[in-house]
């Protein structure tokens, strides 16, 4: 206990740095007083602006090739080196479809009102273009590692920055720190969801010192270790099955709630569009609040343009890099336009902030409690209520668990930029599965929230944003050339030299095109 508190106190000294980066330049009064614009920190402006820029430069690639993305997604294509487009997509969705689809959406609405959802949609539609660009770059600059492909931000970052090894190593270290510090957060979410499930079944709150929690800790550690030490193919076998199942079940349950509450649907749509410009006073009543909360939460949920899930795009076998870009853009769409929207329906339709029996000022501090209370408000009011809450809690736990697998796996892939030896990969897997996952379970069992560690994770996240954005803005010229090549040659096998790139790899060569 004392050691854990000491760690939390140590990180407290770093928290202010993260706060400064996330709110800059809102910490200057002259900027904060600017109408609308003053509601946005530079990081969010950068991500949204980048999405708008790439949407314009690619002539709306996310819309023009939306159908093509779905065709590629379900195309059976794998090799001795890569995984199928579907497997790579599910691997990325294991990270995208996480607790943020519930916590993030609920938080946006709790702070900005129903109108925040409209701005989440806007950020996602532009973010799809950023996701296309970074994912295509991950494919262009991917490399072989034995019988697997590796790539992502550390790889294309190094190549686009003069092929300086130090750049690749620095980006790798940043990502590994971000992943490791995010692992305890996802572990905490698994326990939170399990506690909710126990409460739904028994009607009581399980103590963190209960035997069940200790058993759960062992299951999480063993399950994570079993998957990640089997390499990317074993992880994709897990995510191929777990992600579609949990997503379909979650969507089905919420759609059921939507159907039995269909009379509220017109009011839901009205509240979103009216609230986007005129939020209710309980949410501050300011247009900028709904706008900033919606865009910020949307971008953090789908991770478009942040470089944090580009490793999944690199591991796929494709004939052309743009194909995987189309697929990954769909990931942003599914995450925000589909899953976040149905989550928002629950919170907006329940409207519990107007319930006189609810202490909204207190309840809104716990986003998961807001969501669960909203679920109960929309449930049919029978014995099925507990079953619905139980299923939602299980899905929430699985969301967090697949995020755990993604964080460790992506950190392992990024680590190959330092060394492709087994020792390096296994060291990272040990850190993730056998150090930081147990660390997260100990925090929960000890009753510590360790908020400061969560803030440090946010600090590394914003550092990655500031690294990735200029890199993909610079590298976007190669993506535009690749997209032009795709259109002119009807998606035939890509050759890097055709767009003026000379790569020290045999993946995108004329010889490889002839063999395929």
Protein backbone atom coordinates (compact mmCIF):
# COMPACT_ATOMS: atom_id res chain seq x y z
CA UNK A 1 0.00 0.00 0.00
CA UNK A 2 2.76 2.44 0.96
CA UNK A 3 4.69 1.71 -2.23
CA UNK A 4 1.63 2.28 -4.41
CA UNK A 5 0.88 5.59 -2.69
CA UNK A 6 4.50 6.63 -3.13
CA UNK A 7 4.25 5.93 -6.86
CA UNK A 8 1.07 7.97 -7.05
CA UNK A 9 2.76 10.85 -5.21
CA UNK A 10 5.76 10.69 -7.54
CA UNK A 11 3.57 11.07 -10.61
CA UNK A 12 1.73 13.99 -9.00
CA UNK A 13 4.72 16.17 -9.95
CA UNK A 14 4.15 15.39 -13.64
CA UNK A 15 0.39 16.01 -13.70
CA UNK A 16 0.66 19.82 -14.19
CA UNK A 17 2.71 19.29 -17.38
CA UNK A 18 -0.03 17.17 -18.89
CA UNK A 19 -2.66 19.71 -17.89
CA UNK A 20 -0.72 22.50 -19.59
CA UNK A 21 -0.36 20.56 -22.85
CA UNK A 22 -4.00 19.49 -22.97
CA UNK A 23 -5.44 22.94 -22.28
CA UNK A 24 -2.87 25.12 -24.10
CA UNK A 25 -3.53 27.94 -24.94
CA UNK A 26 -6.75 27.97 -22.91
CA UNK A 27 -4.59 28.74 -19.88
CA UNK A 28 -4.19 32.28 -21.30
CA UNK A 29 -7.12 34.50 -20.45
CA UNK A 30 -7.04 36.40 -23.74
CA UNK A 31 -7.46 33.16 -25.66
CA UNK A 32 -10.06 31.63 -23.34
CA UNK A 33 -12.24 34.76 -23.78
CA UNK A 34 -12.46 34.30 -27.57
CA UNK A 35 -16.02 33.12 -28.41
CA UNK A 36 -16.19 29.42 -29.43
CA UNK A 37 -12.51 29.20 -30.38
CA UNK A 38 -11.53 29.74 -26.76
CA UNK A 39 -13.30 26.50 -25.86
CA UNK A 40 -10.73 24.46 -27.76
CA UNK A 41 -7.14 23.60 -26.86
CA UNK A 42 -4.55 23.52 -29.61
CA UNK A 43 -4.44 19.70 -29.64
CA UNK A 44 -8.10 19.42 -30.61
CA UNK A 45 -7.79 22.18 -33.21
CA UNK A 46 -4.81 20.34 -34.65
CA UNK A 47 -6.65 17.00 -34.91
CA UNK A 48 -9.84 18.50 -36.37
CA UNK A 49 -7.92 20.77 -38.72
CA UNK A 50 -5.86 17.84 -39.91
CA UNK A 51 -9.03 15.86 -40.63
CA UNK A 52 -10.52 18.74 -42.62
CA UNK A 53 -7.25 19.22 -44.52
CA UNK A 54 -6.96 15.55 -45.50
CA UNK A 55 -10.65 15.41 -46.41
CA UNK A 56 -10.11 18.27 -48.85
CA UNK A 57 -6.79 17.00 -50.25
CA UNK A 58 -8.14 13.49 -50.84
CA UNK A 59 -11.45 14.81 -52.20
CA UNK A 60 -13.37 13.06 -49.46
CA UNK A 61 -11.62 9.71 -49.62
CA UNK A 62 -13.63 8.45 -46.64
CA UNK A 63 -16.86 8.94 -48.59
CA UNK A 64 -15.66 8.05 -52.08
CA UNK A 65 -14.20 4.71 -51.01
CA UNK A 66 -16.54 3.86 -48.15
CA UNK A 67 -18.11 0.97 -50.04
CA UNK A 68 -14.70 -0.24 -51.20
CA UNK A 69 -13.54 -0.37 -47.59
CA UNK A 70 -16.32 -2.80 -46.70
CA UNK A 71 -15.47 -4.97 -49.71
CA UNK A 72 -11.81 -5.15 -48.68
CA UNK A 73 -12.73 -5.81 -45.05
CA UNK A 74 -14.48 -9.09 -45.84
CA UNK A 75 -12.05 -10.19 -48.53
CA UNK A 76 -10.19 -13.33 -47.55
CA UNK A 77 -6.54 -12.45 -47.93
CA UNK A 78 -3.61 -13.59 -45.86
CA UNK A 79 -0.08 -14.80 -46.40
CA UNK A 80 2.81 -16.33 -44.55
CA UNK A 81 3.62 -12.84 -43.26
CA UNK A 82 0.45 -10.86 -42.79
CA UNK A 83 -2.96 -11.33 -41.23
CA UNK A 84 -6.22 -10.80 -43.10
CA UNK A 85 -7.74 -7.32 -43.44
CA UNK A 86 -10.59 -8.49 -41.19
CA UNK A 87 -8.15 -9.65 -38.48
CA UNK A 88 -6.22 -6.37 -38.62
CA UNK A 89 -9.52 -4.45 -38.45
CA UNK A 90 -10.71 -6.40 -35.41
CA UNK A 91 -7.34 -5.88 -33.75
CA UNK A 92 -7.73 -2.13 -34.15
CA UNK A 93 -11.38 -2.25 -33.05
CA UNK A 94 -10.24 -4.04 -29.90
CA UNK A 95 -8.57 -0.74 -29.02
CA UNK A 96 -11.14 1.65 -30.49
CA UNK A 97 -14.22 -0.07 -29.08
CA UNK A 98 -13.34 0.34 -25.44
CA UNK A 99 -14.79 1.87 -22.29
CA UNK A 100 -14.54 5.23 -24.07
CA UNK A 101 -17.59 4.26 -26.11
CA UNK A 102 -19.56 4.29 -22.87
CA UNK A 103 -17.57 6.49 -20.48
CA UNK A 104 -16.48 8.98 -23.15
CA UNK A 105 -19.95 9.44 -24.63
CA UNK A 106 -21.58 9.69 -21.22
CA UNK A 107 -18.95 12.22 -20.16
CA UNK A 108 -19.50 14.34 -23.26
CA UNK A 109 -23.26 14.43 -22.70
CA UNK A 110 -22.95 14.95 -18.93
CA UNK A 111 -20.82 18.03 -19.54
CA UNK A 112 -22.10 19.35 -22.87
CA UNK A 113 -25.62 17.97 -23.19
CA UNK A 114 -27.15 15.85 -26.00
CA UNK A 115 -25.84 18.29 -28.60
CA UNK A 116 -22.31 17.04 -27.97
CA UNK A 117 -23.21 13.96 -30.02
CA UNK A 118 -23.60 16.01 -33.21
CA UNK A 119 -20.07 17.31 -32.82
CA UNK A 120 -18.82 13.78 -32.14
CA UNK A 121 -20.26 12.85 -35.53
CA UNK A 122 -18.55 15.80 -37.20
CA UNK A 123 -15.18 14.97 -35.65
CA UNK A 124 -15.52 11.33 -36.70
CA UNK A 125 -16.41 12.10 -40.32
CA UNK A 126 -13.32 14.27 -40.71
CA UNK A 127 -11.24 11.95 -38.53
CA UNK A 128 -11.87 9.12 -41.00
CA UNK A 129 -9.61 10.93 -43.48
CA UNK A 130 -6.80 11.25 -40.90
CA UNK A 131 -7.15 7.57 -40.08
CA UNK A 132 -6.92 6.72 -43.78
CA UNK A 133 -3.69 8.69 -44.13
CA UNK A 134 -1.87 7.33 -41.07
CA UNK A 135 -2.99 3.76 -41.81
CA UNK A 136 -1.85 3.98 -45.42
CA UNK A 137 1.53 5.28 -44.25
CA UNK A 138 1.76 2.34 -41.84
CA UNK A 139 1.25 -0.01 -44.80
CA UNK A 140 3.71 1.78 -47.10
CA UNK A 141 6.53 1.73 -44.55
CA UNK A 142 5.87 -1.67 -42.94
CA UNK A 143 8.67 -4.23 -42.70
CA UNK A 144 9.08 -7.93 -42.11
CA UNK A 145 9.91 -9.45 -38.76
CA UNK A 146 10.37 -13.15 -39.32
CA UNK A 147 6.98 -14.44 -40.47
CA UNK A 148 5.07 -11.30 -39.45
CA UNK A 149 4.72 -7.71 -40.64
CA UNK A 150 5.51 -4.86 -38.28
CA UNK A 151 5.10 -1.12 -38.61
CA UNK A 152 3.16 1.89 -37.42
CA UNK A 153 4.12 5.28 -36.02
CA UNK A 154 7.74 4.43 -35.03
CA UNK A 155 8.41 3.02 -38.50
CA UNK A 156 6.90 5.67 -40.76
CA UNK A 157 8.04 8.33 -38.29
CA UNK A 158 11.66 7.23 -38.64
CA UNK A 159 11.49 6.93 -42.44
CA UNK A 160 9.84 10.31 -42.92
CA UNK A 161 12.31 12.03 -40.59
CA UNK A 162 15.39 11.26 -42.65
CA UNK A 163 15.54 7.60 -41.58
CA UNK A 164 17.11 8.61 -38.29
CA UNK A 165 17.18 5.65 -35.92
CA UNK A 166 16.98 7.96 -32.91
CA UNK A 167 13.57 9.22 -34.08
CA UNK A 168 12.21 5.69 -34.37
CA UNK A 169 13.54 4.75 -30.94
CA UNK A 170 12.14 7.91 -29.32
CA UNK A 171 8.68 7.30 -30.81
CA UNK A 172 8.85 3.68 -29.68
CA UNK A 173 9.76 4.65 -26.12
CA UNK A 174 6.94 7.22 -26.04
CA UNK A 175 4.44 4.63 -27.20
CA UNK A 176 5.60 1.93 -24.80
CA UNK A 177 5.32 4.35 -21.86
CA UNK A 178 1.84 5.39 -23.02
CA UNK A 179 0.74 1.75 -23.38
CA UNK A 180 2.16 0.62 -20.04
CA UNK A 181 0.59 3.48 -18.10
CA UNK A 182 -2.75 2.93 -19.86
CA UNK A 183 -2.84 -0.75 -18.88
CA UNK A 184 -3.78 -0.15 -15.20
CA UNK A 185 -6.65 2.05 -16.38
CA UNK A 186 -8.15 -0.71 -18.53
CA UNK A 187 -7.59 -3.20 -15.70
CA UNK A 188 -9.54 -0.88 -13.41
CA UNK A 189 -12.41 -0.81 -15.96
CA UNK A 190 -12.56 -4.62 -16.00
CA UNK A 191 -12.99 -4.65 -12.22
CA UNK A 192 -15.55 -1.84 -12.34
CA UNK A 193 -17.64 -3.72 -14.87
CA UNK A 194 -17.37 -6.93 -12.88
CA UNK A 195 -18.53 -5.13 -9.76
CA UNK A 196 -21.54 -3.88 -11.71
CA UNK A 197 -22.30 -7.38 -12.94
CA UNK A 198 -22.13 -8.76 -9.40
CA UNK A 199 -24.45 -6.03 -8.21
CA UNK A 200 -26.93 -6.79 -11.01
CA UNK A 201 -27.07 -10.46 -10.00
CA UNK A 202 -26.92 -10.24 -6.21
CA UNK A 203 -28.22 -6.75 -5.53
CA UNK A 204 -25.19 -6.08 -3.32
CA UNK A 205 -21.88 -4.30 -3.82
CA UNK A 206 -18.89 -6.67 -3.82
CA UNK A 207 -16.00 -5.64 -1.61
CA UNK A 208 -12.67 -5.24 -3.37
CA UNK A 209 -11.14 -7.64 -0.89
CA UNK A 210 -13.61 -10.40 -1.80
CA UNK A 211 -12.35 -13.77 -3.07
CA UNK A 212 -14.11 -13.16 -6.38
CA UNK A 213 -11.96 -10.09 -7.07
CA UNK A 214 -8.78 -12.04 -6.35
CA UNK A 215 -9.90 -14.79 -8.74
CA UNK A 216 -10.68 -12.15 -11.36
CA UNK A 217 -7.19 -10.67 -10.93
CA UNK A 218 -5.64 -14.06 -11.68
CA UNK A 219 -7.89 -14.57 -14.72
CA UNK A 220 -6.98 -11.16 -16.17
CA UNK A 221 -3.24 -11.73 -15.70
CA UNK A 222 -3.24 -15.29 -17.07
CA UNK A 223 -5.58 -14.44 -19.96
CA UNK A 224 -3.53 -11.44 -21.04
CA UNK A 225 -0.24 -13.32 -20.79
CA UNK A 226 -1.58 -16.34 -22.71
CA UNK A 227 -2.74 -14.15 -25.60
CA UNK A 228 0.17 -11.74 -25.97
CA UNK A 229 2.96 -14.29 -25.58
CA UNK A 230 1.48 -16.17 -28.53
CA UNK A 231 2.30 -13.28 -30.84
CA UNK A 232 0.06 -11.16 -33.04
CA UNK A 233 -1.62 -14.18 -34.65
CA UNK A 234 -2.84 -15.52 -31.31
CA UNK A 235 -4.04 -12.09 -30.28
CA UNK A 236 -5.97 -11.70 -33.54
CA UNK A 237 -7.57 -15.11 -32.99
CA UNK A 238 -8.89 -13.76 -29.69
CA UNK A 239 -9.99 -10.38 -31.04
CA UNK A 240 -11.49 -11.94 -34.21
CA UNK A 241 -13.94 -13.77 -31.97
CA UNK A 242 -14.31 -11.48 -28.97
CA UNK A 243 -14.68 -8.07 -30.66
CA UNK A 244 -17.54 -8.99 -33.05
CA UNK A 245 -19.39 -10.92 -30.35
CA UNK A 246 -19.18 -8.20 -27.70
CA UNK A 247 -20.01 -5.46 -30.23
CA UNK A 248 -23.00 -7.33 -31.69
CA UNK A 249 -24.36 -8.22 -28.25
CA UNK A 250 -23.93 -4.66 -26.99
CA UNK A 251 -25.56 -3.19 -30.10
CA UNK A 252 -28.40 -5.74 -29.96
CA UNK A 253 -29.18 -4.95 -26.31
CA UNK A 254 -29.18 -1.19 -26.88
CA UNK A 255 -31.23 -1.56 -30.08
CA UNK A 256 -33.74 -3.55 -28.04
CA UNK A 257 -33.94 -0.64 -25.60
CA UNK A 258 -34.33 1.73 -28.55
CA UNK A 259 -37.20 -0.32 -29.99
CA UNK A 260 -39.17 -0.46 -26.75
CA UNK A 261 -38.56 3.26 -26.31
CA UNK A 262 -39.02 4.17 -29.98
CA UNK A 263 -41.57 6.83 -29.06
CA UNK A 264 -38.69 8.89 -27.69
CA UNK A 265 -36.60 8.70 -30.87
CA UNK A 266 -37.90 11.93 -32.48
CA UNK A 267 -37.21 13.76 -29.22
CA UNK A 268 -33.70 12.25 -29.13
CA UNK A 269 -32.90 13.55 -32.62
CA UNK A 270 -34.34 16.96 -31.75
CA UNK A 271 -32.32 17.17 -28.54
CA UNK A 272 -29.11 16.38 -30.43
CA UNK A 273 -29.55 19.02 -33.12
CA UNK A 274 -31.09 21.71 -30.91
CA UNK A 275 -28.67 21.00 -28.06
CA UNK A 276 -25.71 21.29 -30.41
CA UNK A 277 -26.36 25.01 -30.70
CA UNK A 278 -28.44 25.75 -27.58
CA UNK A 279 -27.43 23.48 -24.69
CA UNK A 280 -29.68 23.38 -21.64
CA UNK A 281 -28.63 25.49 -18.69
CA UNK A 282 -27.81 22.36 -16.65
CA UNK A 283 -24.90 21.82 -19.06
CA UNK A 284 -23.70 25.40 -18.92
CA UNK A 285 -26.01 26.66 -21.65
CA UNK A 286 -23.06 27.64 -23.87
CA UNK A 287 -22.70 26.58 -27.49
CA UNK A 288 -18.96 26.18 -27.07
CA UNK A 289 -19.38 23.65 -24.24
CA UNK A 290 -21.35 21.17 -26.39
CA UNK A 291 -18.99 21.75 -29.32
CA UNK A 292 -15.76 21.26 -27.38
CA UNK A 293 -16.98 18.26 -25.38
CA UNK A 294 -18.35 16.48 -28.44
CA UNK A 295 -15.25 16.96 -30.58
CA UNK A 296 -12.80 16.19 -27.78
CA UNK A 297 -14.54 13.01 -26.62
CA UNK A 298 -15.13 11.87 -30.19
CA UNK A 299 -11.48 12.16 -31.14
CA UNK A 300 -10.26 10.50 -27.94
CA UNK A 301 -12.68 7.62 -28.49
CA UNK A 302 -11.85 6.79 -32.13
CA UNK A 303 -8.15 7.81 -31.85
CA UNK A 304 -8.10 9.13 -35.43
CA UNK A 305 -4.86 10.93 -36.26
CA UNK A 306 -3.16 10.08 -32.97
CA UNK A 307 -0.94 7.26 -34.28
CA UNK A 308 -1.81 5.07 -31.33
CA UNK A 309 -3.34 2.18 -33.29
CA UNK A 310 -1.38 2.41 -36.55
CA UNK A 311 0.46 -0.80 -35.67
CA UNK A 312 -2.69 -2.78 -36.48
CA UNK A 313 -2.82 -1.35 -40.01
CA UNK A 314 0.75 -2.45 -40.70
CA UNK A 315 0.27 -6.15 -39.90
CA UNK A 316 -2.30 -6.73 -42.65
CA UNK A 317 -1.54 -8.37 -45.99
CA UNK A 318 -2.68 -6.11 -48.83
CA UNK A 319 -1.96 -5.62 -52.52
CA UNK A 320 -2.13 -1.87 -52.09
CA UNK A 321 -1.57 0.29 -48.97
CA UNK A 322 -4.71 2.33 -49.65
CA UNK A 323 -6.92 -0.72 -49.19
CA UNK A 324 -6.00 -0.92 -45.51
CA UNK A 325 -6.49 2.84 -45.24
CA UNK A 326 -10.07 2.43 -46.47
CA UNK A 327 -10.66 -0.34 -43.92
CA UNK A 328 -9.25 1.61 -40.97
CA UNK A 329 -11.37 4.64 -41.87
CA UNK A 330 -14.42 2.42 -41.47
CA UNK A 331 -13.19 1.67 -37.95
CA UNK A 332 -13.66 5.32 -37.01
CA UNK A 333 -17.16 5.23 -38.52
CA UNK A 334 -18.21 2.11 -36.63
CA UNK A 335 -16.71 3.36 -33.37
CA UNK A 336 -18.33 6.78 -33.31
CA UNK A 337 -21.21 6.92 -35.77
CA UNK A 338 -22.58 3.52 -34.77
CA UNK A 339 -21.51 2.45 -31.27
CA UNK A 340 -21.14 5.87 -29.67
CA UNK A 341 -24.48 6.95 -31.13
CA UNK A 342 -26.44 4.09 -29.63
CA UNK A 343 -24.72 4.71 -26.29
CA UNK A 344 -25.75 8.36 -26.55
CA UNK A 345 -29.35 7.33 -27.23
CA UNK A 346 -29.45 5.60 -23.84
CA UNK A 347 -28.15 8.61 -21.93
CA UNK A 348 -30.11 11.24 -23.85
CA UNK A 349 -33.41 9.39 -23.84
CA UNK A 350 -33.24 8.49 -20.13
CA UNK A 351 -32.83 12.22 -19.43
CA UNK A 352 -32.10 11.50 -15.78
CA UNK A 353 -30.70 15.02 -15.20
CA UNK A 354 -34.37 16.16 -15.14
CA UNK A 355 -35.43 13.48 -12.65
CA UNK A 356 -36.19 15.23 -9.31
CA UNK A 357 -35.26 12.02 -7.48
CA UNK A 358 -31.71 12.17 -8.87
CA UNK A 359 -28.94 14.31 -7.44
CA UNK A 360 -27.47 15.14 -10.84
CA UNK A 361 -24.57 17.24 -9.55
CA UNK A 362 -23.32 14.22 -7.60
CA UNK A 363 -24.27 11.44 -10.02
CA UNK A 364 -22.68 13.16 -13.03
CA UNK A 365 -19.27 12.82 -11.38
CA UNK A 366 -19.39 9.05 -12.08
CA UNK A 367 -19.92 8.45 -15.79
CA UNK A 368 -20.45 4.71 -15.46
CA UNK A 369 -23.15 5.32 -12.82
CA UNK A 370 -24.88 7.78 -15.15
CA UNK A 371 -24.89 5.22 -17.94
CA UNK A 372 -26.07 2.33 -15.78
CA UNK A 373 -28.85 4.43 -14.24
CA UNK A 374 -29.88 5.42 -17.77
CA UNK A 375 -30.01 1.77 -18.78
CA UNK A 376 -32.25 1.00 -15.81
CA UNK A 377 -34.52 3.95 -16.67
CA UNK A 378 -35.08 2.62 -20.21
CA UNK A 379 -35.38 -1.06 -19.28
CA UNK A 380 -38.88 -2.55 -19.38
CA UNK A 381 -39.27 -2.57 -15.59
CA UNK A 382 -39.40 -6.34 -15.20
CA UNK A 383 -37.07 -9.09 -14.04
CA UNK A 384 -35.22 -8.51 -17.33
CA UNK A 385 -33.71 -5.31 -15.92
CA UNK A 386 -31.00 -7.15 -14.00
CA UNK A 387 -30.22 -9.34 -17.03
CA UNK A 388 -29.80 -6.29 -19.27
CA UNK A 389 -27.49 -4.57 -16.80
CA UNK A 390 -25.53 -7.80 -16.39
CA UNK A 391 -24.99 -8.17 -20.14
CA UNK A 392 -23.98 -4.52 -20.52
CA UNK A 393 -21.45 -4.92 -17.68
CA UNK A 394 -19.98 -8.03 -19.32
CA UNK A 395 -19.61 -6.19 -22.63
CA UNK A 396 -17.99 -3.28 -20.81
CA UNK A 397 -15.50 -5.67 -19.19
CA UNK A 398 -14.71 -7.28 -22.55
CA UNK A 399 -14.24 -3.84 -24.11
CA UNK A 400 -11.59 -3.12 -21.48
CA UNK A 401 -9.95 -6.54 -21.81
CA UNK A 402 -9.49 -6.29 -25.59
CA UNK A 403 -8.01 -2.82 -25.03
CA UNK A 404 -5.51 -4.50 -22.67
CA UNK A 405 -4.54 -6.97 -25.38
CA UNK A 406 -4.20 -4.17 -27.91
CA UNK A 407 -1.99 -2.04 -25.69
CA UNK A 408 0.47 -4.86 -24.95
CA UNK A 409 0.47 -6.13 -28.55
CA UNK A 410 0.97 -2.72 -30.11
CA UNK A 411 3.75 -1.91 -27.65
CA UNK A 412 5.42 -5.19 -28.66
CA UNK A 413 5.12 -4.33 -32.36
CA UNK A 414 6.46 -0.83 -31.75
CA UNK A 415 9.37 -2.33 -29.81
CA UNK A 416 10.62 -4.10 -32.94
CA UNK A 417 11.79 -0.67 -34.11
CA UNK A 418 14.43 -0.90 -31.37
CA UNK A 419 15.23 -4.55 -31.97
CA UNK A 420 13.56 -7.39 -33.88
CA UNK A 421 15.07 -9.93 -31.50
CA UNK A 422 12.79 -12.09 -29.35
CA UNK A 423 14.35 -10.71 -26.17
CA UNK A 424 13.05 -7.20 -26.87
CA UNK A 425 9.51 -8.33 -27.71
CA UNK A 426 9.32 -10.67 -24.74
CA UNK A 427 10.62 -7.98 -22.39
CA UNK A 428 7.80 -5.67 -23.45
CA UNK A 429 5.24 -8.47 -23.13
CA UNK A 430 6.53 -9.25 -19.63
CA UNK A 431 6.29 -5.58 -18.67
CA UNK A 432 2.72 -5.38 -19.93
CA UNK A 433 1.22 -8.73 -18.94
CA UNK A 434 3.27 -9.60 -15.86
CA UNK A 435 4.14 -6.20 -14.37
CA UNK A 436 1.62 -3.49 -15.29
CA UNK A 437 -1.49 -5.70 -15.42
CA UNK A 438 -0.69 -7.08 -11.93
CA UNK A 439 0.11 -3.51 -10.85
CA UNK A 440 -3.37 -2.45 -11.98
CA UNK A 441 -5.00 -5.33 -10.13
CA UNK A 442 -3.07 -4.48 -6.95
CA UNK A 443 -4.27 -0.88 -7.17
CA UNK A 444 -7.87 -2.06 -7.33
CA UNK A 445 -7.52 -4.65 -4.58
CA UNK A 446 -5.80 -2.07 -2.37
CA UNK A 447 -8.63 0.39 -2.93
CA UNK A 448 -6.41 2.99 -4.63
CA UNK A 449 -7.57 4.98 -7.64
CA UNK A 450 -4.08 6.35 -8.49
CA UNK A 451 -5.55 9.25 -10.46
CA UNK A 452 -2.12 10.76 -11.04
CA UNK A 453 -0.98 7.76 -13.08
CA UNK A 454 -4.03 8.16 -15.31
CA UNK A 455 -3.05 11.79 -15.88
CA UNK A 456 0.49 10.79 -16.85
CA UNK A 457 -0.97 8.44 -19.44
CA UNK A 458 -2.86 11.42 -20.85
CA UNK A 459 0.39 13.37 -20.94
CA UNK A 460 2.10 10.73 -23.09
CA UNK A 461 -1.01 10.52 -25.26
CA UNK A 462 -0.88 14.22 -26.08
CA UNK A 463 2.87 13.96 -26.68
CA UNK A 464 2.15 11.25 -29.28
CA UNK A 465 -0.45 13.50 -30.91
CA UNK A 466 2.07 16.32 -31.23
CA UNK A 467 4.57 13.84 -32.70
CA UNK A 468 2.22 12.06 -35.09
CA UNK A 469 0.38 15.07 -36.53
CA UNK A 470 3.34 16.84 -38.17
CA UNK A 471 4.73 13.51 -39.37
CA UNK A 472 1.58 12.47 -41.22
CA UNK A 473 1.06 16.02 -42.52
CA UNK A 474 4.53 15.77 -44.07
CA UNK A 475 4.04 12.18 -45.22
CA UNK A 476 0.60 12.92 -46.63
CA UNK A 477 2.17 13.66 -50.03
CA UNK A 478 3.09 10.00 -50.40
CA UNK A 479 -0.42 8.94 -49.45
CA UNK A 480 -1.87 11.29 -52.08
CA UNK A 481 0.47 9.78 -54.67
CA UNK A 482 -0.50 6.28 -53.56
CA UNK A 483 -4.19 7.16 -53.78
CA UNK A 484 -3.69 8.55 -57.28
CA UNK A 485 -1.85 5.34 -58.20
CA UNK A 486 -4.74 3.30 -56.78
CA UNK A 487 -7.33 5.16 -58.83
CA UNK A 488 -5.34 5.19 -62.07
CA UNK A 489 -4.41 1.50 -61.89
CA UNK A 490 -7.62 0.16 -60.36
CA UNK A 491 -5.92 -0.99 -57.17
CA UNK A 492 -3.32 -3.26 -58.76
CA UNK A 493 -0.29 -4.40 -56.73
CA UNK A 494 1.53 -1.34 -55.42
CA UNK A 495 5.16 -0.61 -56.26
CA UNK A 496 6.83 2.04 -54.09
CA UNK A 497 9.10 3.34 -56.84
CA UNK A 498 6.04 4.29 -58.90
CA UNK A 499 5.38 7.14 -56.47
CA UNK A 500 9.04 8.11 -56.10
CA UNK A 501 9.83 6.09 -52.98
CA UNK A 502 12.90 3.92 -52.63
CA UNK A 503 12.43 1.58 -49.68
CA UNK A 504 14.93 -0.84 -48.18
CA UNK A 505 12.37 -3.64 -48.19
CA UNK A 506 11.21 -6.27 -50.68
CA UNK A 507 7.53 -5.79 -49.91
CA UNK A 508 6.53 -3.13 -52.42
CA UNK A 509 8.73 -4.03 -55.40
CA UNK A 510 8.19 -4.77 -59.08
CA UNK A 511 9.46 -8.31 -58.53
CA UNK A 512 6.87 -8.90 -55.82
CA UNK A 513 4.14 -7.59 -58.10
CA UNK A 514 5.08 -10.17 -60.74
CA UNK A 515 4.96 -13.00 -58.21
CA UNK A 516 1.56 -12.09 -56.83
